[in-house]
C-alpha atoms as a PDB file:
ATOM      1  CA  MET A   1       1.452  76.650   2.617  1.00  0.00           C
ATOM      2  CA  GLY A   2      -1.650  73.973   1.552  1.00  0.00           C
ATOM      3  CA  HIS A   3      -2.751  75.847  -1.586  1.00  0.00           C
ATOM      4  CA  SER A   4      -4.353  73.203  -4.147  1.00  0.00           C
ATOM      5  CA  SER A   5      -1.470  73.725  -7.229  1.00  0.00           C
ATOM      6  CA  THR A   6       2.076  75.689  -7.713  1.00  0.00           C
ATOM      7  CA  ARG A   7      -0.468  78.638  -8.857  1.00  0.00           C
ATOM      8  CA  ALA A   8      -2.574  79.070  -6.754  1.00  0.00           C
ATOM      9  CA  THR A   9       0.254  79.477  -4.475  1.00  0.00           C
ATOM     10  CA  LEU A  10       1.748  81.805  -6.820  1.00  0.00           C
ATOM     11  CA  ILE A  11      -1.287  84.334  -7.275  1.00  0.00           C
ATOM     12  CA  TYR A  12      -1.803  84.393  -3.364  1.00  0.00           C
ATOM     13  CA  GLN A  13       1.759  85.040  -3.126  1.00  0.00           C
ATOM     14  CA  HIS A  14       1.193  88.262  -5.239  1.00  0.00           C
ATOM     15  CA  ILE A  15      -1.669  89.812  -3.770  1.00  0.00           C
ATOM     16  CA  ALA A  16       0.213  89.271  -0.469  1.00  0.00           C
ATOM     17  CA  MET A  17       3.299  91.329  -1.597  1.00  0.00           C
ATOM     18  CA  GLU A  18       0.646  94.084  -2.909  1.00  0.00           C
ATOM     19  CA  ARG A  19      -0.940  94.324   0.067  1.00  0.00           C
ATOM     20  CA  ASP A  20       2.347  94.599   2.076  1.00  0.00           C
ATOM     21  CA  ARG A  21       3.090  97.253   0.165  1.00  0.00           C
ATOM     22  CA  ALA A  22      -0.262  99.359   0.384  1.00  0.00           C
ATOM     23  CA  ILE A  23      -0.173  98.622   4.167  1.00  0.00           C
ATOM     24  CA  ALA A  24       3.836 100.627   3.575  1.00  0.00           C
ATOM     25  CA  ASP A  25       2.543 103.029   1.364  1.00  0.00           C
ATOM     26  CA  ALA A  26      -0.403 104.149   3.921  1.00  0.00           C
ATOM     27  CA  LEU A  27       2.136 103.891   7.154  1.00  0.00           C
ATOM     28  CA  GLY A  28       4.639 105.561   5.331  1.00  0.00           C
ATOM     29  CA  LYS A  29       2.428 108.355   4.549  1.00  0.00           C
ATOM     30  CA  LEU A  30       0.404 108.614   8.191  1.00  0.00           C
ATOM     31  CA  ALA A  31       4.110 108.831   9.395  1.00  0.00           C
ATOM     32  CA  GLU A  32       5.249 111.921   7.096  1.00  0.00           C
ATOM     33  CA  LYS A  33       1.446 113.566   8.637  1.00  0.00           C
ATOM     34  CA  ARG A  34       2.763 113.168  12.157  1.00  0.00           C
ATOM     35  CA  ASN A  35       7.186 113.507  11.691  1.00  0.00           C
ATOM     36  CA  GLY A  36       7.363 115.274   9.070  1.00  0.00           C
ATOM     37  CA  HIS A  37       9.547 114.583   5.697  1.00  0.00           C
ATOM     38  CA  ARG A  38      12.632 114.141   7.096  1.00  0.00           C
ATOM     39  CA  ARG A  39      11.935 111.764   9.757  1.00  0.00           C
ATOM     40  CA  SER A  40       9.568 109.626   7.922  1.00  0.00           C
ATOM     41  CA  LYS A  41      11.647 108.248   5.206  1.00  0.00           C
ATOM     42  CA  SER A  42      13.524 106.915   8.123  1.00  0.00           C
ATOM     43  CA  ALA A  43      10.051 105.727   9.377  1.00  0.00           C
ATOM     44  CA  LEU A  44       9.144 103.867   6.002  1.00  0.00           C
ATOM     45  CA  GLU A  45      12.710 102.474   6.188  1.00  0.00           C
ATOM     46  CA  THR A  46      12.750 101.149   9.462  1.00  0.00           C
ATOM     47  CA  ILE A  47       8.973  99.246   8.391  1.00  0.00           C
ATOM     48  CA  LYS A  48      10.134  97.859   4.969  1.00  0.00           C
ATOM     49  CA  ALA A  49      13.316  96.519   6.694  1.00  0.00           C
ATOM     50  CA  ARG A  50      11.226  94.716   9.298  1.00  0.00           C
ATOM     51  CA  SER A  51       8.609  93.248   7.106  1.00  0.00           C
ATOM     52  CA  GLY A  52      11.118  92.583   4.103  1.00  0.00           C
ATOM     53  CA  ILE A  53       8.912  94.660   1.881  1.00  0.00           C
ATOM     54  CA  SER A  54      11.276  95.268  -1.317  1.00  0.00           C
ATOM     55  CA  LEU A  55       9.052  98.807  -2.788  1.00  0.00           C
END
């Protein structure tokens, strides 16, 4: 990824995972408000599957 050290790479990856999790959580909440609880769970599962995020 062009980072100066392995440590810098690991820090970047950790921050990126946290950001991805926050985005997925926010999208899940939006889906829940828009579509109701039953659909939001399905929408969140789709978002997680497409992004490779493990929550």
